[in-house]
Amino acid sequence: MSATPASGAAAEGGLLPLLVNFAPFIVVFVLFYFLLIRPQQNRAKAHAAQVAGIKRGDTVVLSNGMIGKVTRVEDQEAMVEISQGVNVRVLKNMVAEVRGKGEIAAANDKS
C-alpha cells in the first residue's frame, strides 16, 4: 500500500510549515509575557520588599483603604493604629502601600 500524495507532501514539508503554523501562538505568548506576566512579577517582588521592610512608625495604607500608623511589627502581623487609641491587628500581606515615616495622606479638599 502506498501513501497518498497529500500525506506524502505533508510529511516532506519539514519544519518550516510547522513553524509558520505556530508562529502566531509564539508571538502572542511572548507579548503576554512582556506585557502582562513580567510586570506583575516585578510588582509582586516590590510589594514583598515593602512588606518585609515595615517598621514601627511607618504610615501604611491597608488593602481596604484605611490609613494608619504601625505601632508594632511581628513575623506575619502588624498592629496598626487607625485612630487615636484604636489599634487593629492586620496581616502584613494586606498592607497595600507603605508611605514611610512622616508621610501623611493628602486631604480631599477641593478648594
PDB file of N, CA and C in Angstrom:
ATOM      1  N   MET A   1       0.833  -1.173   0.000  1.00  0.00           N
ATOM      2  CA  MET A   1       0.000   0.000   0.000  1.00  0.00           C
ATOM      3  C   MET A   1       0.881   1.242   0.000  1.00  0.00           C
ATOM      4  N   SER A   2       0.616   2.146  -0.893  1.00  0.00           N
ATOM      5  CA  SER A   2       1.437   3.348  -0.979  1.00  0.00           C
ATOM      6  C   SER A   2       0.711   4.516  -0.322  1.00  0.00           C
ATOM      7  N   ALA A   3       1.485   5.486   0.107  1.00  0.00           N
ATOM      8  CA  ALA A   3       0.912   6.667   0.764  1.00  0.00           C
ATOM      9  C   ALA A   3       0.275   7.563  -0.285  1.00  0.00           C
ATOM     10  N   THR A   4      -0.768   8.223   0.117  1.00  0.00           N
ATOM     11  CA  THR A   4      -1.425   9.147  -0.801  1.00  0.00           C
ATOM     12  C   THR A   4      -0.532  10.362  -1.011  1.00  0.00           C
ATOM     13  N   PRO A   5      -0.666  11.049  -2.102  1.00  0.00           N
ATOM     14  CA  PRO A   5       0.198  12.205  -2.372  1.00  0.00           C
ATOM     15  C   PRO A   5       0.037  13.315  -1.326  1.00  0.00           C
ATOM     16  N   ALA A   6      -1.137  13.501  -0.787  1.00  0.00           N
ATOM     17  CA  ALA A   6      -1.354  14.573   0.187  1.00  0.00           C
ATOM     18  C   ALA A   6      -0.593  14.299   1.476  1.00  0.00           C
ATOM     19  N   SER A   7      -0.641  13.056   1.960  1.00  0.00           N
ATOM     20  CA  SER A   7       0.065  12.738   3.202  1.00  0.00           C
ATOM     21  C   SER A   7       1.571  12.719   2.974  1.00  0.00           C
ATOM     22  N   GLY A   8       2.007  12.333   1.782  1.00  0.00           N
ATOM     23  CA  GLY A   8       3.433  12.339   1.462  1.00  0.00           C
ATOM     24  C   GLY A   8       3.973  13.760   1.403  1.00  0.00           C
ATOM     25  N   ALA A   9       3.198  14.686   0.884  1.00  0.00           N
ATOM     26  CA  ALA A   9       3.628  16.081   0.790  1.00  0.00           C
ATOM     27  C   ALA A   9       3.703  16.705   2.176  1.00  0.00           C
ATOM     28  N   ALA A  10       2.783  16.331   3.042  1.00  0.00           N
ATOM     29  CA  ALA A  10       2.798  16.888   4.397  1.00  0.00           C
ATOM     30  C   ALA A  10       3.984  16.353   5.181  1.00  0.00           C
ATOM     31  N   ALA A  11       4.322  15.086   4.936  1.00  0.00           N
ATOM     32  CA  ALA A  11       5.452  14.507   5.644  1.00  0.00           C
ATOM     33  C   ALA A  11       6.766  15.094   5.139  1.00  0.00           C
ATOM     34  N   GLU A  12       6.826  15.460   3.885  1.00  0.00           N
ATOM     35  CA  GLU A  12       8.040  16.014   3.302  1.00  0.00           C
ATOM     36  C   GLU A  12       8.173  17.508   3.556  1.00  0.00           C
ATOM     37  N   GLY A  13       7.125  18.155   4.086  1.00  0.00           N
ATOM     38  CA  GLY A  13       7.118  19.606   4.274  1.00  0.00           C
ATOM     39  C   GLY A  13       8.226  20.092   5.172  1.00  0.00           C
ATOM     40  N   GLY A  14       8.548  19.343   6.173  1.00  0.00           N
ATOM     41  CA  GLY A  14       9.648  19.712   7.048  1.00  0.00           C
ATOM     42  C   GLY A  14       9.220  20.623   8.188  1.00  0.00           C
ATOM     43  N   LEU A  15      10.188  21.333   8.685  1.00  0.00           N
ATOM     44  CA  LEU A  15       9.996  22.150   9.879  1.00  0.00           C
ATOM     45  C   LEU A  15       9.411  23.523   9.576  1.00  0.00           C
ATOM     46  N   LEU A  16       9.683  24.073   8.416  1.00  0.00           N
ATOM     47  CA  LEU A  16       9.249  25.427   8.101  1.00  0.00           C
ATOM     48  C   LEU A  16       7.729  25.606   8.145  1.00  0.00           C
ATOM     49  N   PRO A  17       6.936  24.755   7.511  1.00  0.00           N
ATOM     50  CA  PRO A  17       5.485  24.940   7.611  1.00  0.00           C
ATOM     51  C   PRO A  17       4.972  24.795   9.044  1.00  0.00           C
ATOM     52  N   LEU A  18       5.612  23.939   9.814  1.00  0.00           N
ATOM     53  CA  LEU A  18       5.210  23.778  11.215  1.00  0.00           C
ATOM     54  C   LEU A  18       5.451  25.069  11.997  1.00  0.00           C
ATOM     55  N   LEU A  19       6.601  25.691  11.778  1.00  0.00           N
ATOM     56  CA  LEU A  19       6.898  26.964  12.449  1.00  0.00           C
ATOM     57  C   LEU A  19       5.954  28.073  12.002  1.00  0.00           C
ATOM     58  N   VAL A  20       5.628  28.089  10.723  1.00  0.00           N
ATOM     59  CA  VAL A  20       4.707  29.108  10.210  1.00  0.00           C
ATOM     60  C   VAL A  20       3.335  28.948  10.852  1.00  0.00           C
ATOM     61  N   ASN A  21       2.919  27.712  11.092  1.00  0.00           N
ATOM     62  CA  ASN A  21       1.614  27.480  11.717  1.00  0.00           C
ATOM     63  C   ASN A  21       1.602  27.895  13.184  1.00  0.00           C
ATOM     64  N   PHE A  22       2.715  27.705  13.885  1.00  0.00           N
ATOM     65  CA  PHE A  22       2.760  28.006  15.316  1.00  0.00           C
ATOM     66  C   PHE A  22       3.309  29.398  15.626  1.00  0.00           C
ATOM     67  N   ALA A  23       3.769  30.123  14.636  1.00  0.00           N
ATOM     68  CA  ALA A  23       4.342  31.455  14.853  1.00  0.00           C
ATOM     69  C   ALA A  23       3.364  32.414  15.538  1.00  0.00           C
ATOM     70  N   PRO A  24       2.093  32.479  15.144  1.00  0.00           N
ATOM     71  CA  PRO A  24       1.188  33.401  15.845  1.00  0.00           C
ATOM     72  C   PRO A  24       1.033  33.069  17.338  1.00  0.00           C
ATOM     73  N   PHE A  25       1.024  31.795  17.678  1.00  0.00           N
ATOM     74  CA  PHE A  25       0.911  31.408  19.084  1.00  0.00           C
ATOM     75  C   PHE A  25       2.155  31.817  19.872  1.00  0.00           C
ATOM     76  N   ILE A  26       3.300  31.651  19.236  1.00  0.00           N
ATOM     77  CA  ILE A  26       4.556  32.023  19.886  1.00  0.00           C
ATOM     78  C   ILE A  26       4.610  33.533  20.093  1.00  0.00           C
ATOM     79  N   VAL A  27       4.217  34.290  19.095  1.00  0.00           N
ATOM     80  CA  VAL A  27       4.214  35.762  19.202  1.00  0.00           C
ATOM     81  C   VAL A  27       3.258  36.218  20.299  1.00  0.00           C
ATOM     82  N   VAL A  28       2.074  35.633  20.372  1.00  0.00           N
ATOM     83  CA  VAL A  28       1.104  36.010  21.408  1.00  0.00           C
ATOM     84  C   VAL A  28       1.652  35.679  22.787  1.00  0.00           C
ATOM     85  N   PHE A  29       2.280  34.529  22.939  1.00  0.00           N
ATOM     86  CA  PHE A  29       2.845  34.171  24.244  1.00  0.00           C
ATOM     87  C   PHE A  29       3.948  35.146  24.651  1.00  0.00           C
ATOM     88  N   VAL A  30       4.819  35.509  23.711  1.00  0.00           N
ATOM     89  CA  VAL A  30       5.891  36.456  24.017  1.00  0.00           C
ATOM     90  C   VAL A  30       5.311  37.810  24.413  1.00  0.00           C
ATOM     91  N   LEU A  31       4.293  38.268  23.711  1.00  0.00           N
ATOM     92  CA  LEU A  31       3.639  39.537  24.067  1.00  0.00           C
ATOM     93  C   LEU A  31       3.012  39.459  25.449  1.00  0.00           C
ATOM     94  N   PHE A  32       2.306  38.381  25.756  1.00  0.00           N
ATOM     95  CA  PHE A  32       1.726  38.211  27.084  1.00  0.00           C
ATOM     96  C   PHE A  32       2.800  38.242  28.159  1.00  0.00           C
ATOM     97  N   TYR A  33       3.922  37.598  27.887  1.00  0.00           N
ATOM     98  CA  TYR A  33       4.987  37.557  28.882  1.00  0.00           C
ATOM     99  C   TYR A  33       5.509  38.958  29.172  1.00  0.00           C
ATOM    100  N   PHE A  34       5.830  39.713  28.126  1.00  0.00           N
ATOM    101  CA  PHE A  34       6.434  41.023  28.341  1.00  0.00           C
ATOM    102  C   PHE A  34       5.431  42.097  28.742  1.00  0.00           C
ATOM    103  N   LEU A  35       4.173  41.959  28.375  1.00  0.00           N
ATOM    104  CA  LEU A  35       3.189  42.988  28.705  1.00  0.00           C
ATOM    105  C   LEU A  35       2.375  42.687  29.957  1.00  0.00           C
ATOM    106  N   LEU A  36       2.251  41.423  30.344  1.00  0.00           N
ATOM    107  CA  LEU A  36       1.418  41.077  31.495  1.00  0.00           C
ATOM    108  C   LEU A  36       2.169  40.339  32.599  1.00  0.00           C
ATOM    109  N   ILE A  37       2.823  39.258  32.263  1.00  0.00           N
ATOM    110  CA  ILE A  37       3.406  38.383  33.279  1.00  0.00           C
ATOM    111  C   ILE A  37       4.613  39.029  33.947  1.00  0.00           C
ATOM    112  N   ARG A  38       5.555  39.532  33.175  1.00  0.00           N
ATOM    113  CA  ARG A  38       6.782  40.100  33.740  1.00  0.00           C
ATOM    114  C   ARG A  38       6.521  41.331  34.609  1.00  0.00           C
ATOM    115  N   PRO A  39       5.695  42.300  34.173  1.00  0.00           N
ATOM    116  CA  PRO A  39       5.416  43.440  35.054  1.00  0.00           C
ATOM    117  C   PRO A  39       4.719  43.032  36.353  1.00  0.00           C
ATOM    118  N   GLN A  40       3.844  42.038  36.291  1.00  0.00           N
ATOM    119  CA  GLN A  40       3.164  41.574  37.503  1.00  0.00           C
ATOM    120  C   GLN A  40       4.163  40.946  38.472  1.00  0.00           C
ATOM    121  N   GLN A  41       5.122  40.204  37.951  1.00  0.00           N
ATOM    122  CA  GLN A  41       6.147  39.623  38.812  1.00  0.00           C
ATOM    123  C   GLN A  41       6.987  40.712  39.469  1.00  0.00           C
ATOM    124  N   ASN A  42       7.305  41.762  38.726  1.00  0.00           N
ATOM    125  CA  ASN A  42       8.076  42.871  39.295  1.00  0.00           C
ATOM    126  C   ASN A  42       7.285  43.590  40.390  1.00  0.00           C
ATOM    127  N   ARG A  43       5.980  43.802  40.172  1.00  0.00           N
ATOM    128  CA  ARG A  43       5.143  44.444  41.201  1.00  0.00           C
ATOM    129  C   ARG A  43       5.046  43.570  42.438  1.00  0.00           C
ATOM    130  N   ALA A  44       4.944  42.259  42.251  1.00  0.00           N
ATOM    131  CA  ALA A  44       4.862  41.351  43.400  1.00  0.00           C
ATOM    132  C   ALA A  44       6.162  41.369  44.206  1.00  0.00           C
ATOM    133  N   LYS A  45       7.306  41.416  43.530  1.00  0.00           N
ATOM    134  CA  LYS A  45       8.590  41.492  44.233  1.00  0.00           C
ATOM    135  C   LYS A  45       8.716  42.799  44.995  1.00  0.00           C
ATOM    136  N   ALA A  46       8.305  43.897  44.378  1.00  0.00           N
ATOM    137  CA  ALA A  46       8.383  45.207  45.042  1.00  0.00           C
ATOM    138  C   ALA A  46       7.466  45.248  46.259  1.00  0.00           C
ATOM    139  N   HIS A  47       6.266  44.677  46.142  1.00  0.00           N
ATOM    140  CA  HIS A  47       5.333  44.645  47.271  1.00  0.00           C
ATOM    141  C   HIS A  47       5.887  43.789  48.399  1.00  0.00           C
ATOM    142  N   ALA A  48       6.472  42.655  48.060  1.00  0.00           N
ATOM    143  CA  ALA A  48       7.061  41.788  49.082  1.00  0.00           C
ATOM    144  C   ALA A  48       8.202  42.496  49.806  1.00  0.00           C
ATOM    145  N   ALA A  49       8.991  43.273  49.078  1.00  0.00           N
ATOM    146  CA  ALA A  49      10.081  44.022  49.710  1.00  0.00           C
ATOM    147  C   ALA A  49       9.535  45.106  50.628  1.00  0.00           C
ATOM    148  N   GLN A  50       8.457  45.781  50.206  1.00  0.00           N
ATOM    149  CA  GLN A  50       7.827  46.801  51.058  1.00  0.00           C
ATOM    150  C   GLN A  50       7.290  46.183  52.331  1.00  0.00           C
ATOM    151  N   VAL A  51       6.599  45.063  52.205  1.00  0.00           N
ATOM    152  CA  VAL A  51       6.002  44.399  53.369  1.00  0.00           C
ATOM    153  C   VAL A  51       7.094  43.913  54.313  1.00  0.00           C
ATOM    154  N   ALA A  52       8.171  43.404  53.767  1.00  0.00           N
ATOM    155  CA  ALA A  52       9.263  42.921  54.618  1.00  0.00           C
ATOM    156  C   ALA A  52       9.949  44.068  55.349  1.00  0.00           C
ATOM    157  N   GLY A  53       9.887  45.273  54.785  1.00  0.00           N
ATOM    158  CA  GLY A  53      10.557  46.418  55.380  1.00  0.00           C
ATOM    159  C   GLY A  53       9.695  47.265  56.294  1.00  0.00           C
ATOM    160  N   ILE A  54       8.498  46.796  56.634  1.00  0.00           N
ATOM    161  CA  ILE A  54       7.630  47.578  57.525  1.00  0.00           C
ATOM    162  C   ILE A  54       8.281  47.672  58.895  1.00  0.00           C
ATOM    163  N   LYS A  55       8.268  48.886  59.442  1.00  0.00           N
ATOM    164  CA  LYS A  55       8.820  49.081  60.786  1.00  0.00           C
ATOM    165  C   LYS A  55       7.908  50.005  61.577  1.00  0.00           C
ATOM    166  N   ARG A  56       8.148  50.042  62.857  1.00  0.00           N
ATOM    167  CA  ARG A  56       7.333  50.857  63.763  1.00  0.00           C
ATOM    168  C   ARG A  56       7.433  52.324  63.356  1.00  0.00           C
ATOM    169  N   GLY A  57       6.279  52.987  63.309  1.00  0.00           N
ATOM    170  CA  GLY A  57       6.237  54.400  62.963  1.00  0.00           C
ATOM    171  C   GLY A  57       5.903  54.666  61.511  1.00  0.00           C
ATOM    172  N   ASP A  58       5.933  53.641  60.653  1.00  0.00           N
ATOM    173  CA  ASP A  58       5.584  53.835  59.247  1.00  0.00           C
ATOM    174  C   ASP A  58       4.101  54.100  59.091  1.00  0.00           C
ATOM    175  N   THR A  59       3.757  54.923  58.122  1.00  0.00           N
ATOM    176  CA  THR A  59       2.368  55.122  57.746  1.00  0.00           C
ATOM    177  C   THR A  59       2.060  54.140  56.627  1.00  0.00           C
ATOM    178  N   VAL A  60       0.979  53.377  56.776  1.00  0.00           N
ATOM    179  CA  VAL A  60       0.637  52.357  55.793  1.00  0.00           C
ATOM    180  C   VAL A  60      -0.796  52.544  55.317  1.00  0.00           C
ATOM    181  N   VAL A  61      -1.045  52.089  54.107  1.00  0.00           N
ATOM    182  CA  VAL A  61      -2.392  52.037  53.553  1.00  0.00           C
ATOM    183  C   VAL A  61      -2.764  50.574  53.486  1.00  0.00           C
ATOM    184  N   LEU A  62      -3.873  50.232  54.117  1.00  0.00           N
ATOM    185  CA  LEU A  62      -4.328  48.838  54.112  1.00  0.00           C
ATOM    186  C   LEU A  62      -5.093  48.548  52.831  1.00  0.00           C
ATOM    187  N   SER A  63      -5.310  47.284  52.541  1.00  0.00           N
ATOM    188  CA  SER A  63      -5.971  46.888  51.295  1.00  0.00           C
ATOM    189  C   SER A  63      -7.419  47.369  51.233  1.00  0.00           C
ATOM    190  N   ASN A  64      -8.028  47.677  52.381  1.00  0.00           N
ATOM    191  CA  ASN A  64      -9.406  48.173  52.369  1.00  0.00           C
ATOM    192  C   ASN A  64      -9.463  49.689  52.310  1.00  0.00           C
ATOM    193  N   GLY A  65      -8.305  50.351  52.228  1.00  0.00           N
ATOM    194  CA  GLY A  65      -8.268  51.796  52.072  1.00  0.00           C
ATOM    195  C   GLY A  65      -7.984  52.561  53.353  1.00  0.00           C
ATOM    196  N   MET A  66      -7.962  51.902  54.488  1.00  0.00           N
ATOM    197  CA  MET A  66      -7.666  52.591  55.740  1.00  0.00           C
ATOM    198  C   MET A  66      -6.191  52.976  55.789  1.00  0.00           C
ATOM    199  N   ILE A  67      -5.944  54.135  56.382  1.00  0.00           N
ATOM    200  CA  ILE A  67      -4.582  54.608  56.550  1.00  0.00           C
ATOM    201  C   ILE A  67      -4.294  54.639  58.033  1.00  0.00           C
ATOM    202  N   GLY A  68      -3.149  54.103  58.421  1.00  0.00           N
ATOM    203  CA  GLY A  68      -2.810  54.063  59.834  1.00  0.00           C
ATOM    204  C   GLY A  68      -1.314  54.081  60.050  1.00  0.00           C
ATOM    205  N   LYS A  69      -0.955  54.087  61.320  1.00  0.00           N
ATOM    206  CA  LYS A  69       0.448  54.139  61.716  1.00  0.00           C
ATOM    207  C   LYS A  69       0.796  52.829  62.401  1.00  0.00           C
ATOM    208  N   VAL A  70       1.905  52.228  62.017  1.00  0.00           N
ATOM    209  CA  VAL A  70       2.333  50.954  62.579  1.00  0.00           C
ATOM    210  C   VAL A  70       2.863  51.185  63.988  1.00  0.00           C
ATOM    211  N   THR A  71       2.310  50.432  64.948  1.00  0.00           N
ATOM    212  CA  THR A  71       2.761  50.564  66.328  1.00  0.00           C
ATOM    213  C   THR A  71       3.564  49.349  66.787  1.00  0.00           C
ATOM    214  N   ARG A  72       3.379  48.209  66.120  1.00  0.00           N
ATOM    215  CA  ARG A  72       4.121  47.009  66.483  1.00  0.00           C
ATOM    216  C   ARG A  72       4.204  46.098  65.266  1.00  0.00           C
ATOM    217  N   VAL A  73       5.344  45.442  65.110  1.00  0.00           N
ATOM    218  CA  VAL A  73       5.546  44.542  63.976  1.00  0.00           C
ATOM    219  C   VAL A  73       5.940  43.171  64.500  1.00  0.00           C
ATOM    220  N   GLU A  74       5.286  42.147  63.973  1.00  0.00           N
ATOM    221  CA  GLU A  74       5.614  40.762  64.294  1.00  0.00           C
ATOM    222  C   GLU A  74       5.994  40.059  62.996  1.00  0.00           C
ATOM    223  N   ASP A  75       6.125  38.729  63.041  1.00  0.00           N
ATOM    224  CA  ASP A  75       6.539  37.989  61.849  1.00  0.00           C
ATOM    225  C   ASP A  75       5.553  38.160  60.696  1.00  0.00           C
ATOM    226  N   GLN A  76       4.303  37.801  60.921  1.00  0.00           N
ATOM    227  CA  GLN A  76       3.290  37.834  59.870  1.00  0.00           C
ATOM    228  C   GLN A  76       2.236  38.919  60.072  1.00  0.00           C
ATOM    229  N   GLU A  77       2.253  39.565  61.218  1.00  0.00           N
ATOM    230  CA  GLU A  77       1.211  40.537  61.554  1.00  0.00           C
ATOM    231  C   GLU A  77       1.832  41.855  61.965  1.00  0.00           C
ATOM    232  N   ALA A  78       1.005  42.894  61.925  1.00  0.00           N
ATOM    233  CA  ALA A  78       1.415  44.212  62.399  1.00  0.00           C
ATOM    234  C   ALA A  78       0.234  44.824  63.136  1.00  0.00           C
ATOM    235  N   MET A  79       0.526  45.624  64.148  1.00  0.00           N
ATOM    236  CA  MET A  79      -0.501  46.369  64.870  1.00  0.00           C
ATOM    237  C   MET A  79      -0.512  47.770  64.273  1.00  0.00           C
ATOM    238  N   VAL A  80      -1.683  48.186  63.792  1.00  0.00           N
ATOM    239  CA  VAL A  80      -1.805  49.472  63.116  1.00  0.00           C
ATOM    240  C   VAL A  80      -2.804  50.324  63.882  1.00  0.00           C
ATOM    241  N   GLU A  81      -2.405  51.550  64.199  1.00  0.00           N
ATOM    242  CA  GLU A  81      -3.295  52.495  64.876  1.00  0.00           C
ATOM    243  C   GLU A  81      -4.014  53.281  63.789  1.00  0.00           C
ATOM    244  N   ILE A  82      -5.342  53.047  63.661  1.00  0.00           N
ATOM    245  CA  ILE A  82      -6.119  53.706  62.622  1.00  0.00           C
ATOM    246  C   ILE A  82      -6.784  54.978  63.123  1.00  0.00           C
ATOM    247  N   SER A  83      -6.866  55.124  64.434  1.00  0.00           N
ATOM    248  CA  SER A  83      -7.380  56.325  65.074  1.00  0.00           C
ATOM    249  C   SER A  83      -6.746  56.385  66.450  1.00  0.00           C
ATOM    250  N   GLN A  84      -6.814  57.514  67.087  1.00  0.00           N
ATOM    251  CA  GLN A  84      -6.170  57.634  68.386  1.00  0.00           C
ATOM    252  C   GLN A  84      -6.786  56.639  69.360  1.00  0.00           C
ATOM    253  N   GLY A  85      -5.966  55.723  69.830  1.00  0.00           N
ATOM    254  CA  GLY A  85      -6.416  54.717  70.781  1.00  0.00           C
ATOM    255  C   GLY A  85      -7.083  53.508  70.157  1.00  0.00           C
ATOM    256  N   VAL A  86      -7.202  53.468  68.824  1.00  0.00           N
ATOM    257  CA  VAL A  86      -7.834  52.329  68.139  1.00  0.00           C
ATOM    258  C   VAL A  86      -6.754  51.585  67.360  1.00  0.00           C
ATOM    259  N   ASN A  87      -6.358  50.434  67.868  1.00  0.00           N
ATOM    260  CA  ASN A  87      -5.349  49.605  67.220  1.00  0.00           C
ATOM    261  C   ASN A  87      -5.999  48.360  66.651  1.00  0.00           C
ATOM    262  N   VAL A  88      -5.612  48.015  65.439  1.00  0.00           N
ATOM    263  CA  VAL A  88      -6.097  46.787  64.815  1.00  0.00           C
ATOM    264  C   VAL A  88      -4.893  45.935  64.428  1.00  0.00           C
ATOM    265  N   ARG A  89      -5.075  44.657  64.518  1.00  0.00           N
ATOM    266  CA  ARG A  89      -4.038  43.713  64.126  1.00  0.00           C
ATOM    267  C   ARG A  89      -4.332  43.274  62.701  1.00  0.00           C
ATOM    268  N   VAL A  90      -3.376  43.460  61.803  1.00  0.00           N
ATOM    269  CA  VAL A  90      -3.573  43.124  60.394  1.00  0.00           C
ATOM    270  C   VAL A  90      -2.452  42.206  59.927  1.00  0.00           C
ATOM    271  N   LEU A  91      -2.748  41.417  58.920  1.00  0.00           N
ATOM    272  CA  LEU A  91      -1.717  40.618  58.277  1.00  0.00           C
ATOM    273  C   LEU A  91      -0.838  41.546  57.440  1.00  0.00           C
ATOM    274  N   LYS A  92       0.451  41.315  57.471  1.00  0.00           N
ATOM    275  CA  LYS A  92       1.362  42.189  56.732  1.00  0.00           C
ATOM    276  C   LYS A  92       1.108  42.135  55.227  1.00  0.00           C
ATOM    277  N   ASN A  93       0.624  41.013  54.724  1.00  0.00           N
ATOM    278  CA  ASN A  93       0.343  40.899  53.293  1.00  0.00           C
ATOM    279  C   ASN A  93      -0.844  41.755  52.860  1.00  0.00           C
ATOM    280  N   MET A  94      -1.674  42.184  53.818  1.00  0.00           N
ATOM    281  CA  MET A  94      -2.826  43.011  53.487  1.00  0.00           C
ATOM    282  C   MET A  94      -2.484  44.495  53.445  1.00  0.00           C
ATOM    283  N   VAL A  95      -1.232  44.824  53.636  1.00  0.00           N
ATOM    284  CA  VAL A  95      -0.780  46.209  53.509  1.00  0.00           C
ATOM    285  C   VAL A  95      -0.582  46.482  52.027  1.00  0.00           C
ATOM    286  N   ALA A  96      -1.303  47.469  51.505  1.00  0.00           N
ATOM    287  CA  ALA A  96      -1.226  47.772  50.083  1.00  0.00           C
ATOM    288  C   ALA A  96      -0.057  48.689  49.755  1.00  0.00           C
ATOM    289  N   GLU A  97       0.262  49.617  50.664  1.00  0.00           N
ATOM    290  CA  GLU A  97       1.309  50.592  50.386  1.00  0.00           C
ATOM    291  C   GLU A  97       1.954  51.022  51.688  1.00  0.00           C
ATOM    292  N   VAL A  98       3.249  51.204  51.668  1.00  0.00           N
ATOM    293  CA  VAL A  98       3.979  51.733  52.813  1.00  0.00           C
ATOM    294  C   VAL A  98       4.429  53.133  52.444  1.00  0.00           C
ATOM    295  N   ARG A  99       3.940  54.119  53.188  1.00  0.00           N
ATOM    296  CA  ARG A  99       4.267  55.509  52.865  1.00  0.00           C
ATOM    297  C   ARG A  99       5.478  56.009  53.611  1.00  0.00           C
ATOM    298  N   GLY A 100       5.945  55.280  54.561  1.00  0.00           N
ATOM    299  CA  GLY A 100       7.133  55.686  55.297  1.00  0.00           C
ATOM    300  C   GLY A 100       6.785  56.558  56.487  1.00  0.00           C
ATOM    301  N   LYS A 101       7.794  56.888  57.254  1.00  0.00           N
ATOM    302  CA  LYS A 101       7.611  57.670  58.463  1.00  0.00           C
ATOM    303  C   LYS A 101       7.385  59.128  58.093  1.00  0.00           C
ATOM    304  N   GLY A 102       6.354  59.712  58.641  1.00  0.00           N
ATOM    305  CA  GLY A 102       6.116  61.130  58.466  1.00  0.00           C
ATOM    306  C   GLY A 102       5.313  61.512  57.244  1.00  0.00           C
ATOM    307  N   GLU A 103       5.154  60.619  56.285  1.00  0.00           N
ATOM    308  CA  GLU A 103       4.341  60.957  55.119  1.00  0.00           C
ATOM    309  C   GLU A 103       2.878  60.887  55.503  1.00  0.00           C
ATOM    310  N   ILE A 104       2.143  61.923  55.166  1.00  0.00           N
ATOM    311  CA  ILE A 104       0.734  61.947  55.520  1.00  0.00           C
ATOM    312  C   ILE A 104      -0.109  61.831  54.254  1.00  0.00           C
ATOM    313  N   ALA A 105      -1.333  61.452  54.457  1.00  0.00           N
ATOM    314  CA  ALA A 105      -2.248  61.299  53.336  1.00  0.00           C
ATOM    315  C   ALA A 105      -2.708  62.677  52.882  1.00  0.00           C
ATOM    316  N   ALA A 106      -2.905  62.845  51.592  1.00  0.00           N
ATOM    317  CA  ALA A 106      -3.376  64.109  51.040  1.00  0.00           C
ATOM    318  C   ALA A 106      -4.825  64.323  51.453  1.00  0.00           C
ATOM    319  N   ALA A 107      -5.154  65.566  51.752  1.00  0.00           N
ATOM    320  CA  ALA A 107      -6.534  65.903  52.110  1.00  0.00           C
ATOM    321  C   ALA A 107      -7.401  65.896  50.866  1.00  0.00           C
ATOM    322  N   ASN A 108      -8.668  65.680  51.052  1.00  0.00           N
ATOM    323  CA  ASN A 108      -9.618  65.658  49.937  1.00  0.00           C
ATOM    324  C   ASN A 108     -10.274  67.010  49.737  1.00  0.00           C
ATOM    325  N   ASP A 109      -9.579  68.062  50.048  1.00  0.00           N
ATOM    326  CA  ASP A 109     -10.132  69.413  49.865  1.00  0.00           C
ATOM    327  C   ASP A 109     -10.198  69.741  48.392  1.00  0.00           C
ATOM    328  N   LYS A 110     -11.292  70.326  47.980  1.00  0.00           N
ATOM    329  CA  LYS A 110     -11.479  70.699  46.577  1.00  0.00           C
ATOM    330  C   LYS A 110     -11.402  72.200  46.406  1.00  0.00           C
ATOM    331  N   SER A 111     -10.617  72.863  47.200  1.00  0.00           N
ATOM    332  CA  SER A 111     -10.553  74.321  47.109  1.00  0.00           C
ATOM    333  C   SER A 111      -9.601  74.806  46.083  1.00  0.00           C
TER     334      SER A 111
END
